[in-house]
Amino acid sequence: MKFFPYFELVARPGIGGVDSPAHGRVRFRQLTAERAVRLWADGFPYLRLTKEGARHFFADLTAEQRIPLLERCATPLEVEALLKLPRTNATLKRAANERLAQLAPEAPPAE
C-alpha cells in the first residue's frame, strides 16, 4: 500500500530517497503505509501526517493514547488532524494547544 494519501512527502522534488543513521536507506517510491507510519512515529523528518492518515491509523485510539503522538507532530496541520478525530476530550485539547504554542506561537488555540 502506498503512503501518499496518508502522508505528505517533505523533500525536494526529484529526491528518490534518503540515508538516515536512525532509519537506514529509505526509498520513497518503495515506502509502504505501514513503514511510513512507523517512520513518522519515530520522528522521521521527511513525512507529514495528513487528515486521511490520522483517520486511517489513529481513529481507533482514545484521546489519552493520542496525546503522546502530538509530540511527533511537526506542523499545526498534523496537530489539527489528530485533534479532529472522534473521542476528543479536554485533556487532549489542552495538550494540542500546548503543542500548537510550541510549533506556531502566533496561532490561535484549537477549538
PDB file of N, CA and C in Angstrom:
ATOM      1  N   MET A   1       0.852  -1.176   0.000  1.00  0.00           N
ATOM      2  CA  MET A   1       0.000   0.000   0.000  1.00  0.00           C
ATOM      3  C   MET A   1       0.900   1.242   0.000  1.00  0.00           C
ATOM      4  N   LYS A   2       0.647   2.150  -0.903  1.00  0.00           N
ATOM      5  CA  LYS A   2       1.428   3.375  -0.969  1.00  0.00           C
ATOM      6  C   LYS A   2       1.056   4.298   0.189  1.00  0.00           C
ATOM      7  N   PHE A   3       1.963   5.183   0.524  1.00  0.00           N
ATOM      8  CA  PHE A   3       1.769   6.038   1.687  1.00  0.00           C
ATOM      9  C   PHE A   3       1.156   7.385   1.353  1.00  0.00           C
ATOM     10  N   PHE A   4       1.044   7.748   0.070  1.00  0.00           N
ATOM     11  CA  PHE A   4       0.680   9.107  -0.298  1.00  0.00           C
ATOM     12  C   PHE A   4      -0.648   9.631   0.238  1.00  0.00           C
ATOM     13  N   PRO A   5      -1.731   8.872   0.312  1.00  0.00           N
ATOM     14  CA  PRO A   5      -2.928   9.514   0.872  1.00  0.00           C
ATOM     15  C   PRO A   5      -2.783   9.799   2.367  1.00  0.00           C
ATOM     16  N   TYR A   6      -1.858   9.141   3.014  1.00  0.00           N
ATOM     17  CA  TYR A   6      -1.739   9.224   4.465  1.00  0.00           C
ATOM     18  C   TYR A   6      -0.637  10.164   4.930  1.00  0.00           C
ATOM     19  N   PHE A   7       0.359  10.373   4.099  1.00  0.00           N
ATOM     20  CA  PHE A   7       1.486  11.223   4.465  1.00  0.00           C
ATOM     21  C   PHE A   7       1.862  12.105   3.286  1.00  0.00           C
ATOM     22  N   GLU A   8       2.329  13.284   3.605  1.00  0.00           N
ATOM     23  CA  GLU A   8       2.872  14.192   2.601  1.00  0.00           C
ATOM     24  C   GLU A   8       4.385  14.063   2.664  1.00  0.00           C
ATOM     25  N   LEU A   9       5.005  13.961   1.522  1.00  0.00           N
ATOM     26  CA  LEU A   9       6.453  13.880   1.455  1.00  0.00           C
ATOM     27  C   LEU A   9       7.028  15.286   1.501  1.00  0.00           C
ATOM     28  N   VAL A  10       7.957  15.497   2.419  1.00  0.00           N
ATOM     29  CA  VAL A  10       8.592  16.805   2.569  1.00  0.00           C
ATOM     30  C   VAL A  10      10.056  16.646   2.156  1.00  0.00           C
ATOM     31  N   ALA A  11      10.276  16.737   0.864  1.00  0.00           N
ATOM     32  CA  ALA A  11      11.630  16.643   0.309  1.00  0.00           C
ATOM     33  C   ALA A  11      11.632  17.409  -1.004  1.00  0.00           C
ATOM     34  N   ARG A  12      12.782  17.796  -1.425  1.00  0.00           N
ATOM     35  CA  ARG A  12      12.882  18.493  -2.707  1.00  0.00           C
ATOM     36  C   ARG A  12      12.416  17.570  -3.825  1.00  0.00           C
ATOM     37  N   PRO A  13      11.755  18.122  -4.824  1.00  0.00           N
ATOM     38  CA  PRO A  13      11.347  17.304  -5.972  1.00  0.00           C
ATOM     39  C   PRO A  13      12.557  16.608  -6.592  1.00  0.00           C
ATOM     40  N   GLY A  14      12.364  15.371  -6.972  1.00  0.00           N
ATOM     41  CA  GLY A  14      13.437  14.604  -7.594  1.00  0.00           C
ATOM     42  C   GLY A  14      14.245  13.764  -6.626  1.00  0.00           C
ATOM     43  N   ILE A  15      14.077  13.990  -5.340  1.00  0.00           N
ATOM     44  CA  ILE A  15      14.788  13.185  -4.339  1.00  0.00           C
ATOM     45  C   ILE A  15      14.070  11.834  -4.253  1.00  0.00           C
ATOM     46  N   GLY A  16      14.783  10.760  -4.532  1.00  0.00           N
ATOM     47  CA  GLY A  16      14.163   9.434  -4.536  1.00  0.00           C
ATOM     48  C   GLY A  16      14.231   8.725  -3.206  1.00  0.00           C
ATOM     49  N   GLY A  17      15.072   9.218  -2.321  1.00  0.00           N
ATOM     50  CA  GLY A  17      15.213   8.572  -1.024  1.00  0.00           C
ATOM     51  C   GLY A  17      16.286   9.269  -0.214  1.00  0.00           C
ATOM     52  N   VAL A  18      16.475   8.807   0.993  1.00  0.00           N
ATOM     53  CA  VAL A  18      17.489   9.383   1.875  1.00  0.00           C
ATOM     54  C   VAL A  18      18.157   8.259   2.665  1.00  0.00           C
ATOM     55  N   ASP A  19      19.371   8.524   3.087  1.00  0.00           N
ATOM     56  CA  ASP A  19      20.082   7.648   4.014  1.00  0.00           C
ATOM     57  C   ASP A  19      20.029   8.310   5.376  1.00  0.00           C
ATOM     58  N   SER A  20      19.509   7.570   6.339  1.00  0.00           N
ATOM     59  CA  SER A  20      19.364   8.110   7.685  1.00  0.00           C
ATOM     60  C   SER A  20      20.073   7.185   8.671  1.00  0.00           C
ATOM     61  N   PRO A  21      20.892   7.744   9.552  1.00  0.00           N
ATOM     62  CA  PRO A  21      21.549   6.887  10.545  1.00  0.00           C
ATOM     63  C   PRO A  21      20.542   6.119  11.405  1.00  0.00           C
ATOM     64  N   ALA A  22      19.429   6.753  11.720  1.00  0.00           N
ATOM     65  CA  ALA A  22      18.444   6.115  12.593  1.00  0.00           C
ATOM     66  C   ALA A  22      17.521   5.150  11.855  1.00  0.00           C
ATOM     67  N   HIS A  23      17.302   5.379  10.538  1.00  0.00           N
ATOM     68  CA  HIS A  23      16.295   4.599   9.814  1.00  0.00           C
ATOM     69  C   HIS A  23      16.841   3.844   8.615  1.00  0.00           C
ATOM     70  N   GLY A  24      18.130   3.969   8.340  1.00  0.00           N
ATOM     71  CA  GLY A  24      18.711   3.287   7.193  1.00  0.00           C
ATOM     72  C   GLY A  24      18.324   3.974   5.889  1.00  0.00           C
ATOM     73  N   ARG A  25      18.426   3.227   4.805  1.00  0.00           N
ATOM     74  CA  ARG A  25      18.069   3.764   3.485  1.00  0.00           C
ATOM     75  C   ARG A  25      16.561   3.734   3.327  1.00  0.00           C
ATOM     76  N   VAL A  26      15.966   4.877   3.043  1.00  0.00           N
ATOM     77  CA  VAL A  26      14.517   4.986   2.831  1.00  0.00           C
ATOM     78  C   VAL A  26      14.311   5.424   1.391  1.00  0.00           C
ATOM     79  N   ARG A  27      13.730   4.532   0.598  1.00  0.00           N
ATOM     80  CA  ARG A  27      13.411   4.844  -0.802  1.00  0.00           C
ATOM     81  C   ARG A  27      11.930   5.194  -0.856  1.00  0.00           C
ATOM     82  N   PHE A  28      11.628   6.416  -1.239  1.00  0.00           N
ATOM     83  CA  PHE A  28      10.257   6.904  -1.173  1.00  0.00           C
ATOM     84  C   PHE A  28       9.308   6.142  -2.096  1.00  0.00           C
ATOM     85  N   ARG A  29       9.753   5.741  -3.244  1.00  0.00           N
ATOM     86  CA  ARG A  29       8.873   5.007  -4.165  1.00  0.00           C
ATOM     87  C   ARG A  29       8.510   3.620  -3.649  1.00  0.00           C
ATOM     88  N   GLN A  30       9.325   3.056  -2.797  1.00  0.00           N
ATOM     89  CA  GLN A  30       9.079   1.718  -2.267  1.00  0.00           C
ATOM     90  C   GLN A  30       8.465   1.743  -0.867  1.00  0.00           C
ATOM     91  N   LEU A  31       8.197   2.912  -0.362  1.00  0.00           N
ATOM     92  CA  LEU A  31       7.713   3.055   1.008  1.00  0.00           C
ATOM     93  C   LEU A  31       6.256   2.613   1.122  1.00  0.00           C
ATOM     94  N   THR A  32       5.998   1.710   2.045  1.00  0.00           N
ATOM     95  CA  THR A  32       4.630   1.262   2.299  1.00  0.00           C
ATOM     96  C   THR A  32       4.005   2.141   3.381  1.00  0.00           C
ATOM     97  N   ALA A  33       2.696   2.100   3.470  1.00  0.00           N
ATOM     98  CA  ALA A  33       1.995   2.870   4.501  1.00  0.00           C
ATOM     99  C   ALA A  33       2.411   2.407   5.894  1.00  0.00           C
ATOM    100  N   GLU A  34       2.584   1.114   6.061  1.00  0.00           N
ATOM    101  CA  GLU A  34       2.956   0.574   7.374  1.00  0.00           C
ATOM    102  C   GLU A  34       4.333   1.082   7.813  1.00  0.00           C
ATOM    103  N   ARG A  35       5.292   1.091   6.891  1.00  0.00           N
ATOM    104  CA  ARG A  35       6.618   1.593   7.250  1.00  0.00           C
ATOM    105  C   ARG A  35       6.570   3.106   7.438  1.00  0.00           C
ATOM    106  N   ALA A  36       5.775   3.796   6.632  1.00  0.00           N
ATOM    107  CA  ALA A  36       5.676   5.242   6.751  1.00  0.00           C
ATOM    108  C   ALA A  36       5.162   5.648   8.136  1.00  0.00           C
ATOM    109  N   VAL A  37       4.147   4.950   8.645  1.00  0.00           N
ATOM    110  CA  VAL A  37       3.619   5.317   9.968  1.00  0.00           C
ATOM    111  C   VAL A  37       4.654   5.043  11.054  1.00  0.00           C
ATOM    112  N   ARG A  38       5.432   3.989  10.915  1.00  0.00           N
ATOM    113  CA  ARG A  38       6.497   3.726  11.894  1.00  0.00           C
ATOM    114  C   ARG A  38       7.575   4.811  11.821  1.00  0.00           C
ATOM    115  N   LEU A  39       7.944   5.190  10.600  1.00  0.00           N
ATOM    116  CA  LEU A  39       8.939   6.253  10.444  1.00  0.00           C
ATOM    117  C   LEU A  39       8.433   7.558  11.041  1.00  0.00           C
ATOM    118  N   TRP A  40       7.182   7.902  10.735  1.00  0.00           N
ATOM    119  CA  TRP A  40       6.613   9.144  11.267  1.00  0.00           C
ATOM    120  C   TRP A  40       6.609   9.130  12.791  1.00  0.00           C
ATOM    121  N   ALA A  41       6.191   8.018  13.373  1.00  0.00           N
ATOM    122  CA  ALA A  41       6.138   7.915  14.835  1.00  0.00           C
ATOM    123  C   ALA A  41       7.524   8.008  15.461  1.00  0.00           C
ATOM    124  N   ASP A  42       8.557   7.631  14.697  1.00  0.00           N
ATOM    125  CA  ASP A  42       9.936   7.733  15.181  1.00  0.00           C
ATOM    126  C   ASP A  42      10.553   9.103  14.926  1.00  0.00           C
ATOM    127  N   GLY A  43       9.764  10.023  14.344  1.00  0.00           N
ATOM    128  CA  GLY A  43      10.262  11.371  14.131  1.00  0.00           C
ATOM    129  C   GLY A  43      10.991  11.585  12.814  1.00  0.00           C
ATOM    130  N   PHE A  44      10.741  10.729  11.826  1.00  0.00           N
ATOM    131  CA  PHE A  44      11.365  10.875  10.506  1.00  0.00           C
ATOM    132  C   PHE A  44      10.961  12.225   9.914  1.00  0.00           C
ATOM    133  N   PRO A  45      11.928  13.086   9.580  1.00  0.00           N
ATOM    134  CA  PRO A  45      11.597  14.471   9.228  1.00  0.00           C
ATOM    135  C   PRO A  45      11.036  14.693   7.826  1.00  0.00           C
ATOM    136  N   TYR A  46      10.954  13.665   7.004  1.00  0.00           N
ATOM    137  CA  TYR A  46      10.515  13.857   5.621  1.00  0.00           C
ATOM    138  C   TYR A  46       9.046  13.504   5.386  1.00  0.00           C
ATOM    139  N   LEU A  47       8.323  13.166   6.428  1.00  0.00           N
ATOM    140  CA  LEU A  47       6.914  12.797   6.297  1.00  0.00           C
ATOM    141  C   LEU A  47       6.051  13.675   7.187  1.00  0.00           C
ATOM    142  N   ARG A  48       4.904  14.101   6.659  1.00  0.00           N
ATOM    143  CA  ARG A  48       3.909  14.868   7.426  1.00  0.00           C
ATOM    144  C   ARG A  48       2.588  14.122   7.360  1.00  0.00           C
ATOM    145  N   LEU A  49       1.985  13.916   8.500  1.00  0.00           N
ATOM    146  CA  LEU A  49       0.704  13.226   8.604  1.00  0.00           C
ATOM    147  C   LEU A  49      -0.406  14.061   7.980  1.00  0.00           C
ATOM    148  N   THR A  50      -1.261  13.426   7.179  1.00  0.00           N
ATOM    149  CA  THR A  50      -2.420  14.106   6.600  1.00  0.00           C
ATOM    150  C   THR A  50      -3.670  13.763   7.411  1.00  0.00           C
ATOM    151  N   LYS A  51      -4.773  14.448   7.121  1.00  0.00           N
ATOM    152  CA  LYS A  51      -6.044  14.122   7.785  1.00  0.00           C
ATOM    153  C   LYS A  51      -6.436  12.683   7.505  1.00  0.00           C
ATOM    154  N   GLU A  52      -6.239  12.244   6.260  1.00  0.00           N
ATOM    155  CA  GLU A  52      -6.563  10.861   5.903  1.00  0.00           C
ATOM    156  C   GLU A  52      -5.701   9.878   6.687  1.00  0.00           C
ATOM    157  N   GLY A  53      -4.432  10.222   6.870  1.00  0.00           N
ATOM    158  CA  GLY A  53      -3.536   9.368   7.642  1.00  0.00           C
ATOM    159  C   GLY A  53      -3.943   9.285   9.100  1.00  0.00           C
ATOM    160  N   ALA A  54      -4.332  10.413   9.674  1.00  0.00           N
ATOM    161  CA  ALA A  54      -4.784  10.409  11.072  1.00  0.00           C
ATOM    162  C   ALA A  54      -6.010   9.519  11.223  1.00  0.00           C
ATOM    163  N   ARG A  55      -6.950   9.650  10.297  1.00  0.00           N
ATOM    164  CA  ARG A  55      -8.160   8.812  10.360  1.00  0.00           C
ATOM    165  C   ARG A  55      -7.826   7.341  10.185  1.00  0.00           C
ATOM    166  N   HIS A  56      -6.954   7.030   9.232  1.00  0.00           N
ATOM    167  CA  HIS A  56      -6.633   5.636   8.932  1.00  0.00           C
ATOM    168  C   HIS A  56      -5.883   4.945  10.078  1.00  0.00           C
ATOM    169  N   PHE A  57      -4.879   5.614  10.610  1.00  0.00           N
ATOM    170  CA  PHE A  57      -4.007   4.964  11.586  1.00  0.00           C
ATOM    171  C   PHE A  57      -4.400   5.189  13.042  1.00  0.00           C
ATOM    172  N   PHE A  58      -5.041   6.307  13.362  1.00  0.00           N
ATOM    173  CA  PHE A  58      -5.201   6.669  14.759  1.00  0.00           C
ATOM    174  C   PHE A  58      -6.638   6.891  15.225  1.00  0.00           C
ATOM    175  N   ALA A  59      -7.627   6.690  14.372  1.00  0.00           N
ATOM    176  CA  ALA A  59      -9.028   6.935  14.751  1.00  0.00           C
ATOM    177  C   ALA A  59      -9.493   6.004  15.863  1.00  0.00           C
ATOM    178  N   ASP A  60      -8.924   4.820  15.965  1.00  0.00           N
ATOM    179  CA  ASP A  60      -9.335   3.862  16.995  1.00  0.00           C
ATOM    180  C   ASP A  60      -8.726   4.155  18.357  1.00  0.00           C
ATOM    181  N   LEU A  61      -7.755   5.055  18.414  1.00  0.00           N
ATOM    182  CA  LEU A  61      -7.101   5.354  19.683  1.00  0.00           C
ATOM    183  C   LEU A  61      -7.958   6.285  20.527  1.00  0.00           C
ATOM    184  N   THR A  62      -7.841   6.142  21.820  1.00  0.00           N
ATOM    185  CA  THR A  62      -8.521   7.062  22.729  1.00  0.00           C
ATOM    186  C   THR A  62      -7.781   8.391  22.736  1.00  0.00           C
ATOM    187  N   ALA A  63      -8.399   9.389  23.320  1.00  0.00           N
ATOM    188  CA  ALA A  63      -7.753  10.702  23.420  1.00  0.00           C
ATOM    189  C   ALA A  63      -6.440  10.597  24.191  1.00  0.00           C
ATOM    190  N   GLU A  64      -6.431   9.813  25.244  1.00  0.00           N
ATOM    191  CA  GLU A  64      -5.219   9.660  26.061  1.00  0.00           C
ATOM    192  C   GLU A  64      -4.097   8.999  25.268  1.00  0.00           C
ATOM    193  N   GLN A  65      -4.442   8.064  24.398  1.00  0.00           N
ATOM    194  CA  GLN A  65      -3.430   7.393  23.589  1.00  0.00           C
ATOM    195  C   GLN A  65      -2.881   8.315  22.496  1.00  0.00           C
ATOM    196  N   ARG A  66      -3.650   9.314  22.090  1.00  0.00           N
ATOM    197  CA  ARG A  66      -3.195  10.229  21.053  1.00  0.00           C
ATOM    198  C   ARG A  66      -2.297  11.339  21.594  1.00  0.00           C
ATOM    199  N   ILE A  67      -2.349  11.620  22.885  1.00  0.00           N
ATOM    200  CA  ILE A  67      -1.553  12.711  23.457  1.00  0.00           C
ATOM    201  C   ILE A  67      -0.056  12.543  23.165  1.00  0.00           C
ATOM    202  N   PRO A  68       0.551  11.362  23.355  1.00  0.00           N
ATOM    203  CA  PRO A  68       1.984  11.237  23.033  1.00  0.00           C
ATOM    204  C   PRO A  68       2.287  11.464  21.550  1.00  0.00           C
ATOM    205  N   LEU A  69       1.332  11.193  20.677  1.00  0.00           N
ATOM    206  CA  LEU A  69       1.551  11.404  19.245  1.00  0.00           C
ATOM    207  C   LEU A  69       1.692  12.879  18.898  1.00  0.00           C
ATOM    208  N   LEU A  70       1.132  13.750  19.725  1.00  0.00           N
ATOM    209  CA  LEU A  70       1.240  15.185  19.459  1.00  0.00           C
ATOM    210  C   LEU A  70       2.692  15.645  19.412  1.00  0.00           C
ATOM    211  N   GLU A  71       3.551  15.018  20.193  1.00  0.00           N
ATOM    212  CA  GLU A  71       4.969  15.381  20.192  1.00  0.00           C
ATOM    213  C   GLU A  71       5.639  15.047  18.867  1.00  0.00           C
ATOM    214  N   ARG A  72       5.064  14.112  18.120  1.00  0.00           N
ATOM    215  CA  ARG A  72       5.608  13.742  16.807  1.00  0.00           C
ATOM    216  C   ARG A  72       5.198  14.729  15.721  1.00  0.00           C
ATOM    217  N   CYS A  73       4.194  15.534  16.003  1.00  0.00           N
ATOM    218  CA  CYS A  73       3.682  16.482  15.013  1.00  0.00           C
ATOM    219  C   CYS A  73       4.684  17.613  14.794  1.00  0.00           C
ATOM    220  N   ALA A  74       4.980  17.860  13.527  1.00  0.00           N
ATOM    221  CA  ALA A  74       5.927  18.919  13.186  1.00  0.00           C
ATOM    222  C   ALA A  74       5.234  20.163  12.649  1.00  0.00           C
ATOM    223  N   THR A  75       3.923  20.077  12.410  1.00  0.00           N
ATOM    224  CA  THR A  75       3.186  21.224  11.866  1.00  0.00           C
ATOM    225  C   THR A  75       1.842  21.348  12.576  1.00  0.00           C
ATOM    226  N   PRO A  76       1.273  22.538  12.578  1.00  0.00           N
ATOM    227  CA  PRO A  76      -0.069  22.698  13.145  1.00  0.00           C
ATOM    228  C   PRO A  76      -1.121  21.841  12.437  1.00  0.00           C
ATOM    229  N   LEU A  77      -0.948  21.596  11.139  1.00  0.00           N
ATOM    230  CA  LEU A  77      -1.921  20.759  10.414  1.00  0.00           C
ATOM    231  C   LEU A  77      -1.934  19.326  10.940  1.00  0.00           C
ATOM    232  N   GLU A  78      -0.787  18.816  11.331  1.00  0.00           N
ATOM    233  CA  GLU A  78      -0.738  17.469  11.907  1.00  0.00           C
ATOM    234  C   GLU A  78      -1.455  17.442  13.259  1.00  0.00           C
ATOM    235  N   VAL A  79      -1.230  18.466  14.066  1.00  0.00           N
ATOM    236  CA  VAL A  79      -1.913  18.548  15.363  1.00  0.00           C
ATOM    237  C   VAL A  79      -3.424  18.582  15.150  1.00  0.00           C
ATOM    238  N   GLU A  80      -3.879  19.415  14.221  1.00  0.00           N
ATOM    239  CA  GLU A  80      -5.316  19.525  13.930  1.00  0.00           C
ATOM    240  C   GLU A  80      -5.885  18.197  13.453  1.00  0.00           C
ATOM    241  N   ALA A  81      -5.125  17.459  12.641  1.00  0.00           N
ATOM    242  CA  ALA A  81      -5.600  16.168  12.143  1.00  0.00           C
ATOM    243  C   ALA A  81      -5.865  15.197  13.288  1.00  0.00           C
ATOM    244  N   LEU A  82      -4.985  15.163  14.280  1.00  0.00           N
ATOM    245  CA  LEU A  82      -5.196  14.283  15.433  1.00  0.00           C
ATOM    246  C   LEU A  82      -6.320  14.783  16.328  1.00  0.00           C
ATOM    247  N   LEU A  83      -6.480  16.090  16.394  1.00  0.00           N
ATOM    248  CA  LEU A  83      -7.498  16.672  17.260  1.00  0.00           C
ATOM    249  C   LEU A  83      -8.910  16.468  16.702  1.00  0.00           C
ATOM    250  N   LYS A  84      -9.048  16.381  15.401  1.00  0.00           N
ATOM    251  CA  LYS A  84     -10.363  16.271  14.768  1.00  0.00           C
ATOM    252  C   LYS A  84     -10.938  14.846  14.801  1.00  0.00           C
ATOM    253  N   LEU A  85     -10.192  13.904  15.293  1.00  0.00           N
ATOM    254  CA  LEU A  85     -10.678  12.520  15.347  1.00  0.00           C
ATOM    255  C   LEU A  85     -11.732  12.365  16.440  1.00  0.00           C
ATOM    256  N   PRO A  86     -12.550  11.310  16.368  1.00  0.00           N
ATOM    257  CA  PRO A  86     -13.534  11.061  17.434  1.00  0.00           C
ATOM    258  C   PRO A  86     -12.852  10.841  18.787  1.00  0.00           C
ATOM    259  N   ARG A  87     -13.627  10.910  19.815  1.00  0.00           N
ATOM    260  CA  ARG A  87     -13.178  10.674  21.200  1.00  0.00           C
ATOM    261  C   ARG A  87     -12.135  11.692  21.654  1.00  0.00           C
ATOM    262  N   THR A  88     -12.379  12.942  21.338  1.00  0.00           N
ATOM    263  CA  THR A  88     -11.500  14.014  21.801  1.00  0.00           C
ATOM    264  C   THR A  88     -12.036  14.535  23.133  1.00  0.00           C
ATOM    265  N   ASN A  89     -11.143  14.798  24.072  1.00  0.00           N
ATOM    266  CA  ASN A  89     -11.582  15.325  25.368  1.00  0.00           C
ATOM    267  C   ASN A  89     -10.780  16.573  25.722  1.00  0.00           C
ATOM    268  N   ALA A  90     -11.088  17.131  26.858  1.00  0.00           N
ATOM    269  CA  ALA A  90     -10.451  18.382  27.289  1.00  0.00           C
ATOM    270  C   ALA A  90      -8.946  18.213  27.480  1.00  0.00           C
ATOM    271  N   THR A  91      -8.516  17.056  27.951  1.00  0.00           N
ATOM    272  CA  THR A  91      -7.088  16.817  28.160  1.00  0.00           C
ATOM    273  C   THR A  91      -6.336  16.829  26.839  1.00  0.00           C
ATOM    274  N   LEU A  92      -6.903  16.195  25.825  1.00  0.00           N
ATOM    275  CA  LEU A  92      -6.279  16.186  24.503  1.00  0.00           C
ATOM    276  C   LEU A  92      -6.265  17.601  23.910  1.00  0.00           C
ATOM    277  N   LYS A  93      -7.349  18.327  24.075  1.00  0.00           N
ATOM    278  CA  LYS A  93      -7.396  19.703  23.565  1.00  0.00           C
ATOM    279  C   LYS A  93      -6.338  20.571  24.229  1.00  0.00           C
ATOM    280  N   ARG A  94      -6.166  20.411  25.530  1.00  0.00           N
ATOM    281  CA  ARG A  94      -5.159  21.182  26.257  1.00  0.00           C
ATOM    282  C   ARG A  94      -3.754  20.825  25.755  1.00  0.00           C
ATOM    283  N   ALA A  95      -3.491  19.530  25.585  1.00  0.00           N
ATOM    284  CA  ALA A  95      -2.184  19.089  25.085  1.00  0.00           C
ATOM    285  C   ALA A  95      -1.961  19.583  23.651  1.00  0.00           C
ATOM    286  N   ALA A  96      -3.007  19.575  22.833  1.00  0.00           N
ATOM    287  CA  ALA A  96      -2.898  20.064  21.456  1.00  0.00           C
ATOM    288  C   ALA A  96      -2.592  21.556  21.444  1.00  0.00           C
ATOM    289  N   ASN A  97      -3.226  22.315  22.316  1.00  0.00           N
ATOM    290  CA  ASN A  97      -2.955  23.755  22.393  1.00  0.00           C
ATOM    291  C   ASN A  97      -1.521  24.033  22.837  1.00  0.00           C
ATOM    292  N   GLU A  98      -1.012  23.214  23.752  1.00  0.00           N
ATOM    293  CA  GLU A  98       0.381  23.366  24.188  1.00  0.00           C
ATOM    294  C   GLU A  98       1.334  23.086  23.031  1.00  0.00           C
ATOM    295  N   ARG A  99       1.034  22.024  22.265  1.00  0.00           N
ATOM    296  CA  ARG A  99       1.895  21.690  21.120  1.00  0.00           C
ATOM    297  C   ARG A  99       1.803  22.772  20.044  1.00  0.00           C
ATOM    298  N   LEU A 100       0.606  23.279  19.798  1.00  0.00           N
ATOM    299  CA  LEU A 100       0.449  24.350  18.822  1.00  0.00           C
ATOM    300  C   LEU A 100       1.238  25.591  19.234  1.00  0.00           C
ATOM    301  N   ALA A 101       1.257  25.889  20.534  1.00  0.00           N
ATOM    302  CA  ALA A 101       2.013  27.040  21.031  1.00  0.00           C
ATOM    303  C   ALA A 101       3.515  26.855  20.785  1.00  0.00           C
ATOM    304  N   GLN A 102       3.978  25.612  20.852  1.00  0.00           N
ATOM    305  CA  GLN A 102       5.391  25.333  20.565  1.00  0.00           C
ATOM    306  C   GLN A 102       5.700  25.476  19.078  1.00  0.00           C
ATOM    307  N   LEU A 103       4.786  24.978  18.237  1.00  0.00           N
ATOM    308  CA  LEU A 103       5.021  24.965  16.791  1.00  0.00           C
ATOM    309  C   LEU A 103       4.805  26.324  16.147  1.00  0.00           C
ATOM    310  N   ALA A 104       3.751  27.000  16.560  1.00  0.00           N
ATOM    311  CA  ALA A 104       3.389  28.283  15.956  1.00  0.00           C
ATOM    312  C   ALA A 104       2.839  29.186  17.049  1.00  0.00           C
ATOM    313  N   PRO A 105       3.697  29.888  17.762  1.00  0.00           N
ATOM    314  CA  PRO A 105       3.254  30.685  18.909  1.00  0.00           C
ATOM    315  C   PRO A 105       2.151  31.697  18.590  1.00  0.00           C
ATOM    316  N   GLU A 106       2.087  32.158  17.338  1.00  0.00           N
ATOM    317  CA  GLU A 106       1.083  33.147  16.987  1.00  0.00           C
ATOM    318  C   GLU A 106      -0.259  32.527  16.574  1.00  0.00           C
ATOM    319  N   ALA A 107      -0.324  31.195  16.480  1.00  0.00           N
ATOM    320  CA  ALA A 107      -1.559  30.526  16.034  1.00  0.00           C
ATOM    321  C   ALA A 107      -2.626  30.598  17.123  1.00  0.00           C
ATOM    322  N   PRO A 108      -3.900  30.720  16.728  1.00  0.00           N
ATOM    323  CA  PRO A 108      -4.988  30.717  17.709  1.00  0.00           C
ATOM    324  C   PRO A 108      -5.149  29.312  18.308  1.00  0.00           C
ATOM    325  N   PRO A 109      -5.678  29.205  19.527  1.00  0.00           N
ATOM    326  CA  PRO A 109      -5.877  27.903  20.138  1.00  0.00           C
ATOM    327  C   PRO A 109      -6.862  27.047  19.350  1.00  0.00           C
ATOM    328  N   ALA A 110      -6.684  25.735  19.440  1.00  0.00           N
ATOM    329  CA  ALA A 110      -7.605  24.806  18.806  1.00  0.00           C
ATOM    330  C   ALA A 110      -8.925  24.811  19.548  1.00  0.00           C
ATOM    331  N   GLU A 111      -9.993  24.584  18.809  1.00  0.00           N
ATOM    332  CA  GLU A 111     -11.342  24.571  19.427  1.00  0.00           C
ATOM    333  C   GLU A 111     -11.699  23.193  19.912  1.00  0.00           C
TER     334      GLU A 111
END
